[in-house]
């Protein structure tokens, strides 16, 4: 038996043992009280039951400090708060109502050359003042030239 035959036989033996383990693993889990890989019944941990519902109380003392507890002190008017620990208690966020009619505006070259910043256009979000756009374009050109010079310096060193 040559070396290659022994390697192939070892690989086949390893694969057979591996497949046997994978095939028996769900059965072993079931024997140990588990429910295998895919439970057939729904998760009972998130259902609302009497044990997941609790009532807390909140009240305010004479100095305005709020207090919370399971029992209300005598002579204090409290508000009952019902909590279900199995429920989602995060309040949903309402989306803003859409605008009735989209608006557009035209920016003229004269408007951009004025020193006074233009009034914000309805429906057009700006992160930059429109009057600063020509200066930003000039700075971008300067940065491109600087990067080109640096690249030439790097190429000259190589």
Protein backbone atom coordinates (compact mmCIF):
# COMPACT_ATOMS: atom_id res chain seq x y z
CA UNK A 1 0.00 0.00 0.00
CA UNK A 2 1.61 3.23 -1.07
CA UNK A 3 1.48 6.63 0.61
CA UNK A 4 -1.34 8.07 -1.54
CA UNK A 5 -3.63 5.11 -0.87
CA UNK A 6 -3.12 5.51 2.89
CA UNK A 7 -3.90 9.25 2.69
CA UNK A 8 -7.09 8.60 0.71
CA UNK A 9 -8.20 5.90 3.16
CA UNK A 10 -7.57 8.24 6.13
CA UNK A 11 -9.59 10.99 4.50
CA UNK A 12 -12.47 8.61 3.77
CA UNK A 13 -12.38 7.29 7.34
CA UNK A 14 -12.34 10.83 8.74
CA UNK A 15 -15.27 11.83 6.50
CA UNK A 16 -17.27 8.74 7.54
CA UNK A 17 -16.73 9.45 11.26
CA UNK A 18 -17.62 13.11 10.77
CA UNK A 19 -20.85 12.25 8.94
CA UNK A 20 -21.76 9.72 11.65
CA UNK A 21 -21.32 12.37 14.35
CA UNK A 22 -23.40 14.91 12.42
CA UNK A 23 -26.14 12.33 11.83
CA UNK A 24 -26.38 11.27 15.50
CA UNK A 25 -26.04 14.72 17.08
CA UNK A 26 -29.76 15.65 16.91
CA UNK A 27 -30.70 12.29 18.43
CA UNK A 28 -28.18 12.80 21.25
CA UNK A 29 -29.58 16.27 21.94
CA UNK A 30 -33.11 14.89 22.13
CA UNK A 31 -32.00 12.23 24.63
CA UNK A 32 -30.52 14.87 26.93
CA UNK A 33 -33.79 16.80 27.21
CA UNK A 34 -33.16 19.13 24.33
CA UNK A 35 -35.45 19.66 21.42
CA UNK A 36 -33.01 19.02 18.59
CA UNK A 37 -32.01 21.71 16.14
CA UNK A 38 -35.43 22.93 15.03
CA UNK A 39 -38.04 23.28 17.75
CA UNK A 40 -41.51 22.31 16.58
CA UNK A 41 -43.29 24.38 19.22
CA UNK A 42 -43.21 28.19 19.48
CA UNK A 43 -41.05 29.89 22.07
CA UNK A 44 -43.06 30.19 25.26
CA UNK A 45 -40.68 32.73 26.85
CA UNK A 46 -42.21 35.78 25.16
CA UNK A 47 -45.89 35.20 25.82
CA UNK A 48 -47.75 37.52 28.14
CA UNK A 49 -48.79 35.66 31.27
CA UNK A 50 -49.79 36.64 34.79
CA UNK A 51 -46.20 36.14 35.94
CA UNK A 52 -44.84 38.59 33.33
CA UNK A 53 -47.31 41.37 34.20
CA UNK A 54 -46.37 43.61 37.11
CA UNK A 55 -47.74 46.81 38.61
CA UNK A 56 -45.44 49.54 39.86
CA UNK A 57 -46.38 52.88 41.34
CA UNK A 58 -44.88 56.32 40.92
CA UNK A 59 -45.39 59.31 43.17
CA UNK A 60 -43.87 62.70 43.80
CA UNK A 61 -42.68 63.89 47.20
CA UNK A 62 -42.96 67.43 48.58
CA UNK A 63 -39.66 68.52 47.00
CA UNK A 64 -40.76 67.37 43.52
CA UNK A 65 -38.59 64.23 43.43
CA UNK A 66 -40.21 61.26 41.66
CA UNK A 67 -40.18 57.86 43.37
CA UNK A 68 -41.04 54.41 42.03
CA UNK A 69 -41.93 51.30 43.99
CA UNK A 70 -44.10 48.24 44.35
CA UNK A 71 -45.90 49.64 47.38
CA UNK A 72 -47.23 53.14 47.96
CA UNK A 73 -46.46 54.93 51.25
CA UNK A 74 -49.48 55.98 53.29
CA UNK A 75 -50.92 59.40 52.55
CA UNK A 76 -49.36 59.61 49.10
CA UNK A 77 -51.32 59.77 45.88
CA UNK A 78 -49.62 57.47 43.35
CA UNK A 79 -50.09 56.55 39.73
CA UNK A 80 -50.19 52.84 38.84
CA UNK A 81 -47.89 51.73 36.01
CA UNK A 82 -48.65 48.35 34.46
CA UNK A 83 -45.61 46.67 32.91
CA UNK A 84 -45.49 43.46 30.91
CA UNK A 85 -41.90 42.21 30.82
CA UNK A 86 -42.68 39.95 27.85
CA UNK A 87 -43.90 42.83 25.70
CA UNK A 88 -41.99 45.29 23.59
CA UNK A 89 -42.03 48.53 25.57
CA UNK A 90 -40.24 50.69 23.03
CA UNK A 91 -42.66 53.20 21.62
CA UNK A 92 -42.69 53.45 17.86
CA UNK A 93 -41.55 56.63 16.17
CA UNK A 94 -44.02 58.31 13.88
CA UNK A 95 -42.72 59.31 10.48
CA UNK A 96 -43.11 62.97 9.59
CA UNK A 97 -45.98 63.81 7.31
CA UNK A 98 -44.95 64.32 3.68
CA UNK A 99 -44.97 67.82 2.27
CA UNK A 100 -48.18 68.77 0.53
CA UNK A 101 -46.50 69.88 -2.68
CA UNK A 102 -42.79 69.75 -3.56
CA UNK A 103 -41.28 73.14 -4.20
CA UNK A 104 -38.36 74.08 -6.41
CA UNK A 105 -36.36 77.24 -6.76
CA UNK A 106 -33.90 78.61 -9.27
CA UNK A 107 -30.57 80.08 -8.14
CA UNK A 108 -29.28 82.72 -10.50
CA UNK A 109 -25.64 83.65 -10.97
CA UNK A 110 -26.37 87.08 -9.49
CA UNK A 111 -27.70 85.46 -6.32
CA UNK A 112 -24.49 83.44 -5.90
CA UNK A 113 -22.31 86.53 -6.31
CA UNK A 114 -24.09 88.52 -3.59
CA UNK A 115 -22.29 88.83 -0.28
CA UNK A 116 -25.43 88.12 1.71
CA UNK A 117 -26.18 84.43 2.17
CA UNK A 118 -29.31 83.40 0.32
CA UNK A 119 -32.42 82.36 2.16
CA UNK A 120 -32.72 78.61 2.54
CA UNK A 121 -34.66 77.03 -0.26
CA UNK A 122 -37.72 75.06 0.79
CA UNK A 123 -37.27 71.34 0.31
CA UNK A 124 -33.54 71.59 -0.58
CA UNK A 125 -31.18 70.54 2.22
CA UNK A 126 -27.78 72.24 2.10
CA UNK A 127 -24.74 71.35 4.15
CA UNK A 128 -22.79 74.19 2.55
CA UNK A 129 -23.79 77.76 1.96
CA UNK A 130 -24.35 78.04 -1.82
CA UNK A 131 -22.30 81.24 -1.95
CA UNK A 132 -19.22 79.26 -0.77
CA UNK A 133 -19.39 76.72 -3.61
CA UNK A 134 -16.98 78.61 -5.95
CA UNK A 135 -14.37 78.88 -3.15
CA UNK A 136 -14.77 75.17 -2.37
CA UNK A 137 -14.25 74.30 -6.03
CA UNK A 138 -11.08 76.40 -6.11
CA UNK A 139 -9.77 74.72 -2.94
CA UNK A 140 -10.51 71.33 -4.52
CA UNK A 141 -8.44 72.23 -7.61
CA UNK A 142 -5.55 73.35 -5.38
CA UNK A 143 -5.73 70.09 -3.44
CA UNK A 144 -5.68 68.08 -6.68
CA UNK A 145 -2.56 69.97 -7.82
CA UNK A 146 -0.89 69.36 -4.46
CA UNK A 147 -1.69 65.63 -4.61
CA UNK A 148 -0.30 65.49 -8.16
CA UNK A 149 2.96 67.12 -7.02
CA UNK A 150 3.27 64.65 -4.12
CA UNK A 151 2.70 61.73 -6.46
CA UNK A 152 5.44 63.03 -8.75
CA UNK A 153 7.80 63.25 -5.76
CA UNK A 154 6.99 59.69 -4.76
CA UNK A 155 7.53 58.46 -8.32
CA UNK A 156 10.89 60.28 -8.46
CA UNK A 157 12.09 58.50 -5.29
CA UNK A 158 11.23 55.05 -6.69
